PDB file of all heavy atoms in Angstrom:
ATOM      1  N   LEU A   1     -56.457 138.216  44.542  1.00  0.00           N
ATOM      2  CA  LEU A   1     -57.172 137.078  43.965  1.00  0.00           C
ATOM      3  C   LEU A   1     -58.128 136.476  44.997  1.00  0.00           C
ATOM      4  O   LEU A   1     -59.290 136.200  44.701  1.00  0.00           O
ATOM      5  CB  LEU A   1     -56.203 136.017  43.454  1.00  0.00           C
ATOM      6  CG  LEU A   1     -55.396 136.372  42.212  1.00  0.00           C
ATOM      7  CD1 LEU A   1     -54.371 135.296  41.916  1.00  0.00           C
ATOM      8  CD2 LEU A   1     -56.313 136.584  41.016  1.00  0.00           C
ATOM      9  N   ARG A   2     -57.640 136.304  46.208  1.00  0.00           N
ATOM     10  CA  ARG A   2     -58.460 135.732  47.272  1.00  0.00           C
ATOM     11  C   ARG A   2     -59.628 136.656  47.609  1.00  0.00           C
ATOM     12  O   ARG A   2     -60.768 136.209  47.747  1.00  0.00           O
ATOM     13  CB  ARG A   2     -57.612 135.478  48.517  1.00  0.00           C
ATOM     14  CG  ARG A   2     -58.375 134.775  49.630  1.00  0.00           C
ATOM     15  CD  ARG A   2     -57.471 134.399  50.773  1.00  0.00           C
ATOM     16  NE  ARG A   2     -56.378 133.532  50.401  1.00  0.00           N
ATOM     17  CZ  ARG A   2     -56.476 132.210  50.258  1.00  0.00           C
ATOM     18  NH1 ARG A   2     -57.605 131.617  50.452  1.00  0.00           N
ATOM     19  NH2 ARG A   2     -55.421 131.493  49.938  1.00  0.00           N
ATOM     20  N   GLU A   3     -59.358 137.945  47.732  1.00  0.00           N
ATOM     21  CA  GLU A   3     -60.407 138.901  48.066  1.00  0.00           C
ATOM     22  C   GLU A   3     -61.466 138.962  46.959  1.00  0.00           C
ATOM     23  O   GLU A   3     -62.667 138.942  47.223  1.00  0.00           O
ATOM     24  CB  GLU A   3     -59.805 140.287  48.294  1.00  0.00           C
ATOM     25  CG  GLU A   3     -60.806 141.311  48.753  1.00  0.00           C
ATOM     26  CD  GLU A   3     -60.167 142.655  49.086  1.00  0.00           C
ATOM     27  OE1 GLU A   3     -58.929 142.777  49.084  1.00  0.00           O
ATOM     28  OE2 GLU A   3     -60.949 143.591  49.348  1.00  0.00           O
ATOM     29  N   GLY A   4     -61.033 139.025  45.722  1.00  0.00           N
ATOM     30  CA  GLY A   4     -61.972 139.086  44.606  1.00  0.00           C
ATOM     31  C   GLY A   4     -62.831 137.848  44.481  1.00  0.00           C
ATOM     32  O   GLY A   4     -64.008 137.927  44.114  1.00  0.00           O
ATOM     33  N   PHE A   5     -62.262 136.703  44.799  1.00  0.00           N
ATOM     34  CA  PHE A   5     -63.003 135.444  44.717  1.00  0.00           C
ATOM     35  C   PHE A   5     -64.212 135.450  45.650  1.00  0.00           C
ATOM     36  O   PHE A   5     -65.221 134.821  45.364  1.00  0.00           O
ATOM     37  CB  PHE A   5     -62.076 134.267  45.061  1.00  0.00           C
ATOM     38  CG  PHE A   5     -62.710 132.924  44.863  1.00  0.00           C
ATOM     39  CD1 PHE A   5     -62.780 132.357  43.603  1.00  0.00           C
ATOM     40  CD2 PHE A   5     -63.233 132.217  45.935  1.00  0.00           C
ATOM     41  CE1 PHE A   5     -63.367 131.113  43.400  1.00  0.00           C
ATOM     42  CE2 PHE A   5     -63.814 130.970  45.753  1.00  0.00           C
ATOM     43  CZ  PHE A   5     -63.878 130.416  44.483  1.00  0.00           C
ATOM     44  N   GLU A   6     -64.101 136.182  46.739  1.00  0.00           N
ATOM     45  CA  GLU A   6     -65.183 136.234  47.723  1.00  0.00           C
ATOM     46  C   GLU A   6     -66.307 137.189  47.345  1.00  0.00           C
ATOM     47  O   GLU A   6     -67.335 137.229  48.004  1.00  0.00           O
ATOM     48  CB  GLU A   6     -64.624 136.617  49.093  1.00  0.00           C
ATOM     49  CG  GLU A   6     -63.653 135.597  49.660  1.00  0.00           C
ATOM     50  CD  GLU A   6     -64.258 134.202  49.806  1.00  0.00           C
ATOM     51  OE1 GLU A   6     -65.451 134.104  50.168  1.00  0.00           O
ATOM     52  OE2 GLU A   6     -63.547 133.216  49.541  1.00  0.00           O
ATOM     53  N   LEU A   7     -66.132 137.964  46.298  1.00  0.00           N
ATOM     54  CA  LEU A   7     -67.150 138.931  45.898  1.00  0.00           C
ATOM     55  C   LEU A   7     -68.284 138.236  45.148  1.00  0.00           C
ATOM     56  O   LEU A   7     -68.102 137.158  44.587  1.00  0.00           O
ATOM     57  CB  LEU A   7     -66.514 140.028  45.057  1.00  0.00           C
ATOM     58  CG  LEU A   7     -65.476 140.868  45.815  1.00  0.00           C
ATOM     59  CD1 LEU A   7     -64.820 141.862  44.891  1.00  0.00           C
ATOM     60  CD2 LEU A   7     -66.106 141.570  47.004  1.00  0.00           C
ATOM     61  N   PRO A   8     -69.448 138.860  45.120  1.00  0.00           N
ATOM     62  CA  PRO A   8     -70.629 138.181  44.584  1.00  0.00           C
ATOM     63  C   PRO A   8     -70.683 138.022  43.062  1.00  0.00           C
ATOM     64  O   PRO A   8     -71.365 137.131  42.571  1.00  0.00           O
ATOM     65  CB  PRO A   8     -71.798 139.051  45.062  1.00  0.00           C
ATOM     66  CG  PRO A   8     -71.214 140.388  45.311  1.00  0.00           C
ATOM     67  CD  PRO A   8     -69.795 140.143  45.729  1.00  0.00           C
ATOM     68  N   SER A   9     -69.991 138.849  42.306  1.00  0.00           N
ATOM     69  CA  SER A   9     -70.109 138.748  40.843  1.00  0.00           C
ATOM     70  C   SER A   9     -68.750 138.508  40.195  1.00  0.00           C
ATOM     71  O   SER A   9     -67.711 138.874  40.734  1.00  0.00           O
ATOM     72  CB  SER A   9     -70.728 140.022  40.276  1.00  0.00           C
ATOM     73  OG  SER A   9     -69.802 141.084  40.325  1.00  0.00           O
ATOM     74  N   ASP A  10     -68.815 137.893  39.014  1.00  0.00           N
ATOM     75  CA  ASP A  10     -67.582 137.688  38.258  1.00  0.00           C
ATOM     76  C   ASP A  10     -66.988 139.010  37.779  1.00  0.00           C
ATOM     77  O   ASP A  10     -65.776 139.140  37.670  1.00  0.00           O
ATOM     78  CB  ASP A  10     -67.836 136.761  37.072  1.00  0.00           C
ATOM     79  CG  ASP A  10     -67.870 135.291  37.474  1.00  0.00           C
ATOM     80  OD1 ASP A  10     -67.613 134.985  38.656  1.00  0.00           O
ATOM     81  OD2 ASP A  10     -68.134 134.449  36.601  1.00  0.00           O
ATOM     82  N   ALA A  11     -67.851 140.000  37.524  1.00  0.00           N
ATOM     83  CA  ALA A  11     -67.342 141.315  37.104  1.00  0.00           C
ATOM     84  C   ALA A  11     -66.508 141.949  38.218  1.00  0.00           C
ATOM     85  O   ALA A  11     -65.446 142.527  37.968  1.00  0.00           O
ATOM     86  CB  ALA A  11     -68.495 142.230  36.714  1.00  0.00           C
ATOM     87  N   ALA A  12     -66.982 141.826  39.461  1.00  0.00           N
ATOM     88  CA  ALA A  12     -66.230 142.364  40.600  1.00  0.00           C
ATOM     89  C   ALA A  12     -64.927 141.586  40.782  1.00  0.00           C
ATOM     90  O   ALA A  12     -63.869 142.171  41.039  1.00  0.00           O
ATOM     91  CB  ALA A  12     -67.077 142.304  41.867  1.00  0.00           C
ATOM     92  N   PHE A  13     -65.004 140.264  40.627  1.00  0.00           N
ATOM     93  CA  PHE A  13     -63.811 139.430  40.731  1.00  0.00           C
ATOM     94  C   PHE A  13     -62.799 139.844  39.663  1.00  0.00           C
ATOM     95  O   PHE A  13     -61.599 139.942  39.935  1.00  0.00           O
ATOM     96  CB  PHE A  13     -64.196 137.966  40.602  1.00  0.00           C
ATOM     97  CG  PHE A  13     -63.098 136.962  40.817  1.00  0.00           C
ATOM     98  CD1 PHE A  13     -61.893 137.283  41.425  1.00  0.00           C
ATOM     99  CD2 PHE A  13     -63.273 135.654  40.408  1.00  0.00           C
ATOM    100  CE1 PHE A  13     -60.885 136.339  41.625  1.00  0.00           C
ATOM    101  CE2 PHE A  13     -62.292 134.703  40.593  1.00  0.00           C
ATOM    102  CZ  PHE A  13     -61.093 135.038  41.189  1.00  0.00           C
ATOM    103  N   ALA A  14     -63.275 140.115  38.452  1.00  0.00           N
ATOM    104  CA  ALA A  14     -62.381 140.511  37.361  1.00  0.00           C
ATOM    105  C   ALA A  14     -61.582 141.757  37.729  1.00  0.00           C
ATOM    106  O   ALA A  14     -60.398 141.861  37.382  1.00  0.00           O
ATOM    107  CB  ALA A  14     -63.181 140.760  36.080  1.00  0.00           C
ATOM    108  N   ASN A  15     -62.214 142.694  38.422  1.00  0.00           N
ATOM    109  CA  ASN A  15     -61.497 143.904  38.838  1.00  0.00           C
ATOM    110  C   ASN A  15     -60.327 143.565  39.754  1.00  0.00           C
ATOM    111  O   ASN A  15     -59.244 144.133  39.625  1.00  0.00           O
ATOM    112  CB  ASN A  15     -62.440 144.882  39.529  1.00  0.00           C
ATOM    113  CG  ASN A  15     -63.425 145.502  38.571  1.00  0.00           C
ATOM    114  OD1 ASN A  15     -63.159 145.608  37.377  1.00  0.00           O
ATOM    115  ND2 ASN A  15     -64.567 145.898  39.084  1.00  0.00           N
ATOM    116  N   PHE A  16     -60.525 142.625  40.663  1.00  0.00           N
ATOM    117  CA  PHE A  16     -59.454 142.250  41.583  1.00  0.00           C
ATOM    118  C   PHE A  16     -58.365 141.449  40.882  1.00  0.00           C
ATOM    119  O   PHE A  16     -57.189 141.550  41.242  1.00  0.00           O
ATOM    120  CB  PHE A  16     -60.022 141.518  42.799  1.00  0.00           C
ATOM    121  CG  PHE A  16     -60.558 142.457  43.830  1.00  0.00           C
ATOM    122  CD1 PHE A  16     -61.812 143.020  43.690  1.00  0.00           C
ATOM    123  CD2 PHE A  16     -59.794 142.825  44.925  1.00  0.00           C
ATOM    124  CE1 PHE A  16     -62.310 143.919  44.622  1.00  0.00           C
ATOM    125  CE2 PHE A  16     -60.271 143.721  45.866  1.00  0.00           C
ATOM    126  CZ  PHE A  16     -61.533 144.267  45.710  1.00  0.00           C
ATOM    127  N   VAL A  17     -58.733 140.664  39.883  1.00  0.00           N
ATOM    128  CA  VAL A  17     -57.716 139.976  39.082  1.00  0.00           C
ATOM    129  C   VAL A  17     -56.882 141.025  38.344  1.00  0.00           C
ATOM    130  O   VAL A  17     -55.662 140.900  38.250  1.00  0.00           O
ATOM    131  CB  VAL A  17     -58.349 138.958  38.105  1.00  0.00           C
ATOM    132  CG1 VAL A  17     -57.273 138.300  37.247  1.00  0.00           C
ATOM    133  CG2 VAL A  17     -59.146 137.891  38.865  1.00  0.00           C
ATOM    134  N   ALA A  18     -57.533 142.085  37.887  1.00  0.00           N
ATOM    135  CA  ALA A  18     -56.801 143.175  37.218  1.00  0.00           C
ATOM    136  C   ALA A  18     -55.843 143.866  38.182  1.00  0.00           C
ATOM    137  O   ALA A  18     -54.715 144.209  37.805  1.00  0.00           O
ATOM    138  CB  ALA A  18     -57.786 144.181  36.616  1.00  0.00           C
ATOM    139  N   TYR A  19     -56.264 144.069  39.426  1.00  0.00           N
ATOM    140  CA  TYR A  19     -55.359 144.654  40.427  1.00  0.00           C
ATOM    141  C   TYR A  19     -54.157 143.731  40.638  1.00  0.00           C
ATOM    142  O   TYR A  19     -53.019 144.193  40.737  1.00  0.00           O
ATOM    143  CB  TYR A  19     -56.049 144.865  41.773  1.00  0.00           C
ATOM    144  CG  TYR A  19     -57.256 145.768  41.745  1.00  0.00           C
ATOM    145  CD1 TYR A  19     -58.309 145.548  42.618  1.00  0.00           C
ATOM    146  CD2 TYR A  19     -57.361 146.840  40.859  1.00  0.00           C
ATOM    147  CE1 TYR A  19     -59.430 146.372  42.611  1.00  0.00           C
ATOM    148  CE2 TYR A  19     -58.465 147.659  40.844  1.00  0.00           C
ATOM    149  CZ  TYR A  19     -59.504 147.427  41.725  1.00  0.00           C
ATOM    150  OH  TYR A  19     -60.615 148.232  41.716  1.00  0.00           O
ATOM    151  N   SER A  20     -54.421 142.426  40.711  1.00  0.00           N
ATOM    152  CA  SER A  20     -53.333 141.458  40.874  1.00  0.00           C
ATOM    153  C   SER A  20     -52.358 141.528  39.709  1.00  0.00           C
ATOM    154  O   SER A  20     -51.142 141.485  39.894  1.00  0.00           O
ATOM    155  CB  SER A  20     -53.893 140.032  40.970  1.00  0.00           C
ATOM    156  OG  SER A  20     -54.584 139.842  42.164  1.00  0.00           O
ATOM    157  N   LYS A  21     -52.907 141.645  38.514  1.00  0.00           N
ATOM    158  CA  LYS A  21     -52.076 141.737  37.315  1.00  0.00           C
ATOM    159  C   LYS A  21     -51.190 142.981  37.382  1.00  0.00           C
ATOM    160  O   LYS A  21     -50.013 142.946  37.017  1.00  0.00           O
ATOM    161  CB  LYS A  21     -52.966 141.760  36.075  1.00  0.00           C
ATOM    162  CG  LYS A  21     -52.234 141.618  34.776  1.00  0.00           C
ATOM    163  CD  LYS A  21     -53.232 141.485  33.618  1.00  0.00           C
ATOM    164  CE  LYS A  21     -52.516 141.140  32.346  1.00  0.00           C
ATOM    165  NZ  LYS A  21     -52.415 142.210  31.411  1.00  0.00           N
ATOM    166  N   GLY A  22     -51.753 144.075  37.857  1.00  0.00           N
ATOM    167  CA  GLY A  22     -50.966 145.293  38.032  1.00  0.00           C
ATOM    168  C   GLY A  22     -49.845 145.105  39.036  1.00  0.00           C
ATOM    169  O   GLY A  22     -48.727 145.609  38.851  1.00  0.00           O
ATOM    170  N   SER A  23     -50.111 144.348  40.092  1.00  0.00           N
ATOM    171  CA  SER A  23     -49.083 144.080  41.101  1.00  0.00           C
ATOM    172  C   SER A  23     -47.962 143.227  40.528  1.00  0.00           C
ATOM    173  O   SER A  23     -46.798 143.396  40.901  1.00  0.00           O
ATOM    174  CB  SER A  23     -49.705 143.400  42.325  1.00  0.00           C
ATOM    175  OG  SER A  23     -50.566 144.297  42.991  1.00  0.00           O
ATOM    176  N   VAL A  24     -48.288 142.308  39.632  1.00  0.00           N
ATOM    177  CA  VAL A  24     -47.249 141.519  38.962  1.00  0.00           C
ATOM    178  C   VAL A  24     -46.310 142.462  38.213  1.00  0.00           C
ATOM    179  O   VAL A  24     -45.081 142.346  38.303  1.00  0.00           O
ATOM    180  CB  VAL A  24     -47.861 140.469  38.003  1.00  0.00           C
ATOM    181  CG1 VAL A  24     -46.787 139.813  37.155  1.00  0.00           C
ATOM    182  CG2 VAL A  24     -48.648 139.421  38.773  1.00  0.00           C
ATOM    183  N   GLY A  25     -46.888 143.427  37.506  1.00  0.00           N
ATOM    184  CA  GLY A  25     -46.075 144.410  36.788  1.00  0.00           C
ATOM    185  C   GLY A  25     -45.207 145.233  37.718  1.00  0.00           C
ATOM    186  O   GLY A  25     -44.043 145.529  37.417  1.00  0.00           O
ATOM    187  N   GLU A  26     -45.764 145.602  38.869  1.00  0.00           N
ATOM    188  CA  GLU A  26     -44.984 146.376  39.838  1.00  0.00           C
ATOM    189  C   GLU A  26     -43.812 145.562  40.374  1.00  0.00           C
ATOM    190  O   GLU A  26     -42.689 146.077  40.502  1.00  0.00           O
ATOM    191  CB  GLU A  26     -45.871 146.828  40.999  1.00  0.00           C
ATOM    192  CG  GLU A  26     -45.107 147.640  42.016  1.00  0.00           C
ATOM    193  CD  GLU A  26     -45.945 148.103  43.195  1.00  0.00           C
ATOM    194  OE1 GLU A  26     -47.166 147.878  43.219  1.00  0.00           O
ATOM    195  OE2 GLU A  26     -45.346 148.712  44.108  1.00  0.00           O
ATOM    196  N   VAL A  27     -44.048 144.289  40.682  1.00  0.00           N
ATOM    197  CA  VAL A  27     -42.958 143.438  41.185  1.00  0.00           C
ATOM    198  C   VAL A  27     -41.841 143.374  40.159  1.00  0.00           C
ATOM    199  O   VAL A  27     -40.660 143.545  40.500  1.00  0.00           O
ATOM    200  CB  VAL A  27     -43.479 142.024  41.533  1.00  0.00           C
ATOM    201  CG1 VAL A  27     -42.323 141.061  41.766  1.00  0.00           C
ATOM    202  CG2 VAL A  27     -44.380 142.067  42.758  1.00  0.00           C
ATOM    203  N   ILE A  28     -42.194 143.159  38.903  1.00  0.00           N
ATOM    204  CA  ILE A  28     -41.166 143.054  37.860  1.00  0.00           C
ATOM    205  C   ILE A  28     -40.402 144.363  37.710  1.00  0.00           C
ATOM    206  O   ILE A  28     -39.175 144.378  37.594  1.00  0.00           O
ATOM    207  CB  ILE A  28     -41.791 142.591  36.530  1.00  0.00           C
ATOM    208  CG1 ILE A  28     -42.264 141.136  36.649  1.00  0.00           C
ATOM    209  CG2 ILE A  28     -40.816 142.747  35.371  1.00  0.00           C
ATOM    210  CD1 ILE A  28     -41.152 140.139  37.026  1.00  0.00           C
ATOM    211  N   MET A  29     -41.116 145.482  37.733  1.00  0.00           N
ATOM    212  CA  MET A  29     -40.445 146.783  37.615  1.00  0.00           C
ATOM    213  C   MET A  29     -39.448 146.964  38.765  1.00  0.00           C
ATOM    214  O   MET A  29     -38.314 147.396  38.559  1.00  0.00           O
ATOM    215  CB  MET A  29     -41.495 147.903  37.625  1.00  0.00           C
ATOM    216  CG  MET A  29     -40.938 149.297  37.383  1.00  0.00           C
ATOM    217  SD  MET A  29     -40.329 150.196  38.834  1.00  0.00           S
ATOM    218  CE  MET A  29     -41.698 150.162  39.931  1.00  0.00           C
ATOM    219  N   ARG A  30     -39.854 146.600  39.963  1.00  0.00           N
ATOM    220  CA  ARG A  30     -38.972 146.761  41.123  1.00  0.00           C
ATOM    221  C   ARG A  30     -37.820 145.750  41.104  1.00  0.00           C
ATOM    222  O   ARG A  30     -36.717 146.045  41.571  1.00  0.00           O
ATOM    223  CB  ARG A  30     -39.774 146.691  42.404  1.00  0.00           C
ATOM    224  CG  ARG A  30     -40.726 147.883  42.523  1.00  0.00           C
ATOM    225  CD  ARG A  30     -41.365 147.991  43.882  1.00  0.00           C
ATOM    226  NE  ARG A  30     -42.350 149.055  43.925  1.00  0.00           N
ATOM    227  CZ  ARG A  30     -42.087 150.356  44.021  1.00  0.00           C
ATOM    228  NH1 ARG A  30     -40.827 150.764  44.058  1.00  0.00           N
ATOM    229  NH2 ARG A  30     -43.058 151.248  44.068  1.00  0.00           N
ATOM    230  N   LEU A  31     -38.050 144.565  40.565  1.00  0.00           N
ATOM    231  CA  LEU A  31     -36.951 143.604  40.415  1.00  0.00           C
ATOM    232  C   LEU A  31     -35.938 144.105  39.392  1.00  0.00           C
ATOM    233  O   LEU A  31     -34.732 143.893  39.560  1.00  0.00           O
ATOM    234  CB  LEU A  31     -37.479 142.227  40.020  1.00  0.00           C
ATOM    235  CG  LEU A  31     -38.156 141.418  41.119  1.00  0.00           C
ATOM    236  CD1 LEU A  31     -38.692 140.104  40.555  1.00  0.00           C
ATOM    237  CD2 LEU A  31     -37.218 141.149  42.291  1.00  0.00           C
ATOM    238  N   HIS A  32     -36.403 144.758  38.338  1.00  0.00           N
ATOM    239  CA  HIS A  32     -35.471 145.366  37.370  1.00  0.00           C
ATOM    240  C   HIS A  32     -34.588 146.401  38.073  1.00  0.00           C
ATOM    241  O   HIS A  32     -33.379 146.450  37.841  1.00  0.00           O
ATOM    242  CB  HIS A  32     -36.236 146.043  36.221  1.00  0.00           C
ATOM    243  CG  HIS A  32     -36.572 145.131  35.099  1.00  0.00           C
ATOM    244  ND1 HIS A  32     -35.653 144.655  34.201  1.00  0.00           N
ATOM    245  CD2 HIS A  32     -37.766 144.591  34.727  1.00  0.00           C
ATOM    246  CE1 HIS A  32     -36.235 143.875  33.330  1.00  0.00           C
ATOM    247  NE2 HIS A  32     -37.524 143.812  33.626  1.00  0.00           N
ATOM    248  N   SER A  33     -35.205 147.187  38.917  1.00  0.00           N
ATOM    249  CA  SER A  33     -34.451 148.197  39.658  1.00  0.00           C
ATOM    250  C   SER A  33     -33.429 147.525  40.586  1.00  0.00           C
ATOM    251  O   SER A  33     -32.272 147.959  40.669  1.00  0.00           O
ATOM    252  CB  SER A  33     -35.429 149.056  40.466  1.00  0.00           C
ATOM    253  OG  SER A  33     -34.742 149.980  41.253  1.00  0.00           O
ATOM    254  N   ALA A  34     -33.844 146.470  41.266  1.00  0.00           N
ATOM    255  CA  ALA A  34     -32.924 145.734  42.149  1.00  0.00           C
ATOM    256  C   ALA A  34     -31.805 145.084  41.333  1.00  0.00           C
ATOM    257  O   ALA A  34     -30.658 145.004  41.793  1.00  0.00           O
ATOM    258  CB  ALA A  34     -33.696 144.688  42.948  1.00  0.00           C
ATOM    259  N   HIS A  35     -32.120 144.647  40.138  1.00  0.00           N
ATOM    260  CA  HIS A  35     -31.113 144.056  39.251  1.00  0.00           C
ATOM    261  C   HIS A  35     -30.060 145.092  38.865  1.00  0.00           C
ATOM    262  O   HIS A  35     -28.864 144.803  38.837  1.00  0.00           O
ATOM    263  CB  HIS A  35     -31.806 143.496  38.000  1.00  0.00           C
ATOM    264  CG  HIS A  35     -30.872 142.988  36.969  1.00  0.00           C
ATOM    265  ND1 HIS A  35     -30.540 143.713  35.844  1.00  0.00           N
ATOM    266  CD2 HIS A  35     -30.186 141.820  36.892  1.00  0.00           C
ATOM    267  CE1 HIS A  35     -29.690 143.025  35.121  1.00  0.00           C
ATOM    268  NE2 HIS A  35     -29.458 141.857  35.718  1.00  0.00           N
ATOM    269  N   GLN A  36     -30.500 146.310  38.599  1.00  0.00           N
ATOM    270  CA  GLN A  36     -29.558 147.370  38.257  1.00  0.00           C
ATOM    271  C   GLN A  36     -28.615 147.683  39.412  1.00  0.00           C
ATOM    272  O   GLN A  36     -27.498 148.126  39.196  1.00  0.00           O
ATOM    273  CB  GLN A  36     -30.313 148.626  37.826  1.00  0.00           C
ATOM    274  CG  GLN A  36     -31.017 148.454  36.496  1.00  0.00           C
ATOM    275  CD  GLN A  36     -31.924 149.615  36.158  1.00  0.00           C
ATOM    276  OE1 GLN A  36     -32.240 150.448  36.993  1.00  0.00           O
ATOM    277  NE2 GLN A  36     -32.362 149.665  34.911  1.00  0.00           N
ATOM    278  N   LYS A  37     -29.063 147.418  40.615  1.00  0.00           N
ATOM    279  CA  LYS A  37     -28.215 147.627  41.793  1.00  0.00           C
ATOM    280  C   LYS A  37     -27.451 146.348  42.164  1.00  0.00           C
ATOM    281  O   LYS A  37     -26.855 146.269  43.227  1.00  0.00           O
ATOM    282  CB  LYS A  37     -29.063 148.099  42.966  1.00  0.00           C
ATOM    283  CG  LYS A  37     -29.661 149.472  42.729  1.00  0.00           C
ATOM    284  CD  LYS A  37     -30.304 150.001  43.995  1.00  0.00           C
ATOM    285  CE  LYS A  37     -30.869 151.375  43.780  1.00  0.00           C
ATOM    286  NZ  LYS A  37     -29.881 152.404  43.532  1.00  0.00           N
ATOM    287  N   ARG A  38     -27.513 145.361  41.294  1.00  0.00           N
ATOM    288  CA  ARG A  38     -26.804 144.089  41.454  1.00  0.00           C
ATOM    289  C   ARG A  38     -27.291 143.272  42.657  1.00  0.00           C
ATOM    290  O   ARG A  38     -26.528 142.517  43.262  1.00  0.00           O
ATOM    291  CB  ARG A  38     -25.301 144.298  41.496  1.00  0.00           C
ATOM    292  CG  ARG A  38     -24.770 145.018  40.276  1.00  0.00           C
ATOM    293  CD  ARG A  38     -23.271 144.910  40.184  1.00  0.00           C
ATOM    294  NE  ARG A  38     -22.686 145.811  39.235  1.00  0.00           N
ATOM    295  CZ  ARG A  38     -22.799 145.744  37.911  1.00  0.00           C
ATOM    296  NH1 ARG A  38     -23.536 144.836  37.376  1.00  0.00           N
ATOM    297  NH2 ARG A  38     -22.196 146.611  37.127  1.00  0.00           N
ATOM    298  N   LEU A  39     -28.562 143.425  42.992  1.00  0.00           N
ATOM    299  CA  LEU A  39     -29.167 142.642  44.080  1.00  0.00           C
ATOM    300  C   LEU A  39     -29.852 141.393  43.540  1.00  0.00           C
ATOM    301  O   LEU A  39     -30.148 140.470  44.287  1.00  0.00           O
ATOM    302  CB  LEU A  39     -30.182 143.490  44.851  1.00  0.00           C
ATOM    303  CG  LEU A  39     -29.646 144.759  45.493  1.00  0.00           C
ATOM    304  CD1 LEU A  39     -30.782 145.590  46.072  1.00  0.00           C
ATOM    305  CD2 LEU A  39     -28.626 144.410  46.570  1.00  0.00           C
ATOM    306  N   VAL A  40     -30.106 141.389  42.245  1.00  0.00           N
ATOM    307  CA  VAL A  40     -30.775 140.278  41.568  1.00  0.00           C
ATOM    308  C   VAL A  40     -29.922 139.910  40.363  1.00  0.00           C
ATOM    309  O   VAL A  40     -29.487 140.793  39.611  1.00  0.00           O
ATOM    310  CB  VAL A  40     -32.202 140.696  41.117  1.00  0.00           C
ATOM    311  CG1 VAL A  40     -32.875 139.595  40.325  1.00  0.00           C
ATOM    312  CG2 VAL A  40     -33.051 141.097  42.313  1.00  0.00           C
ATOM    313  N   THR A  41     -29.692 138.613  40.176  1.00  0.00           N
ATOM    314  CA  THR A  41     -28.860 138.172  39.056  1.00  0.00           C
ATOM    315  C   THR A  41     -29.638 138.227  37.744  1.00  0.00           C
ATOM    316  O   THR A  41     -30.870 138.288  37.733  1.00  0.00           O
ATOM    317  CB  THR A  41     -28.366 136.720  39.267  1.00  0.00           C
ATOM    318  OG1 THR A  41     -29.496 135.836  39.187  1.00  0.00           O
ATOM    319  CG2 THR A  41     -27.650 136.559  40.609  1.00  0.00           C
ATOM    320  N   ASP A  42     -28.896 138.158  36.645  1.00  0.00           N
ATOM    321  CA  ASP A  42     -29.522 138.115  35.316  1.00  0.00           C
ATOM    322  C   ASP A  42     -30.480 136.935  35.213  1.00  0.00           C
ATOM    323  O   ASP A  42     -31.593 137.068  34.702  1.00  0.00           O
ATOM    324  CB  ASP A  42     -28.455 137.978  34.216  1.00  0.00           C
ATOM    325  CG  ASP A  42     -27.559 139.197  34.078  1.00  0.00           C
ATOM    326  OD1 ASP A  42     -27.925 140.277  34.577  1.00  0.00           O
ATOM    327  OD2 ASP A  42     -26.485 139.055  33.457  1.00  0.00           O
ATOM    328  N   GLN A  43     -30.018 135.786  35.682  1.00  0.00           N
ATOM    329  CA  GLN A  43     -30.821 134.560  35.595  1.00  0.00           C
ATOM    330  C   GLN A  43     -32.092 134.668  36.444  1.00  0.00           C
ATOM    331  O   GLN A  43     -33.173 134.278  35.993  1.00  0.00           O
ATOM    332  CB  GLN A  43     -29.991 133.361  36.043  1.00  0.00           C
ATOM    333  CG  GLN A  43     -30.699 132.041  35.893  1.00  0.00           C
ATOM    334  CD  GLN A  43     -29.819 130.874  36.303  1.00  0.00           C
ATOM    335  OE1 GLN A  43     -28.670 131.034  36.726  1.00  0.00           O
ATOM    336  NE2 GLN A  43     -30.367 129.676  36.197  1.00  0.00           N
ATOM    337  N   GLU A  44     -31.981 135.197  37.651  1.00  0.00           N
ATOM    338  CA  GLU A  44     -33.158 135.353  38.512  1.00  0.00           C
ATOM    339  C   GLU A  44     -34.176 136.304  37.883  1.00  0.00           C
ATOM    340  O   GLU A  44     -35.375 136.021  37.866  1.00  0.00           O
ATOM    341  CB  GLU A  44     -32.754 135.891  39.887  1.00  0.00           C
ATOM    342  CG  GLU A  44     -32.001 134.906  40.730  1.00  0.00           C
ATOM    343  CD  GLU A  44     -31.372 135.538  41.960  1.00  0.00           C
ATOM    344  OE1 GLU A  44     -31.030 136.737  41.931  1.00  0.00           O
ATOM    345  OE2 GLU A  44     -31.210 134.805  42.956  1.00  0.00           O
ATOM    346  N   LEU A  45     -33.681 137.400  37.358  1.00  0.00           N
ATOM    347  CA  LEU A  45     -34.573 138.363  36.731  1.00  0.00           C
ATOM    348  C   LEU A  45     -35.258 137.738  35.514  1.00  0.00           C
ATOM    349  O   LEU A  45     -36.481 137.864  35.353  1.00  0.00           O
ATOM    350  CB  LEU A  45     -33.816 139.628  36.320  1.00  0.00           C
ATOM    351  CG  LEU A  45     -34.663 140.700  35.643  1.00  0.00           C
ATOM    352  CD1 LEU A  45     -35.760 141.206  36.573  1.00  0.00           C
ATOM    353  CD2 LEU A  45     -33.763 141.841  35.185  1.00  0.00           C
TER     354      LEU A  45
END
């Protein structure tokens, strides 16, 4: 988000927001995996 904000166009910024959105999905996928290993509680997940 910070890197994209510094770019000259909103279209370029949008690409970096999309990368950020993808990272949100990756975090959730990995938290699900950690939950299956009982490292994350139901409530936290």
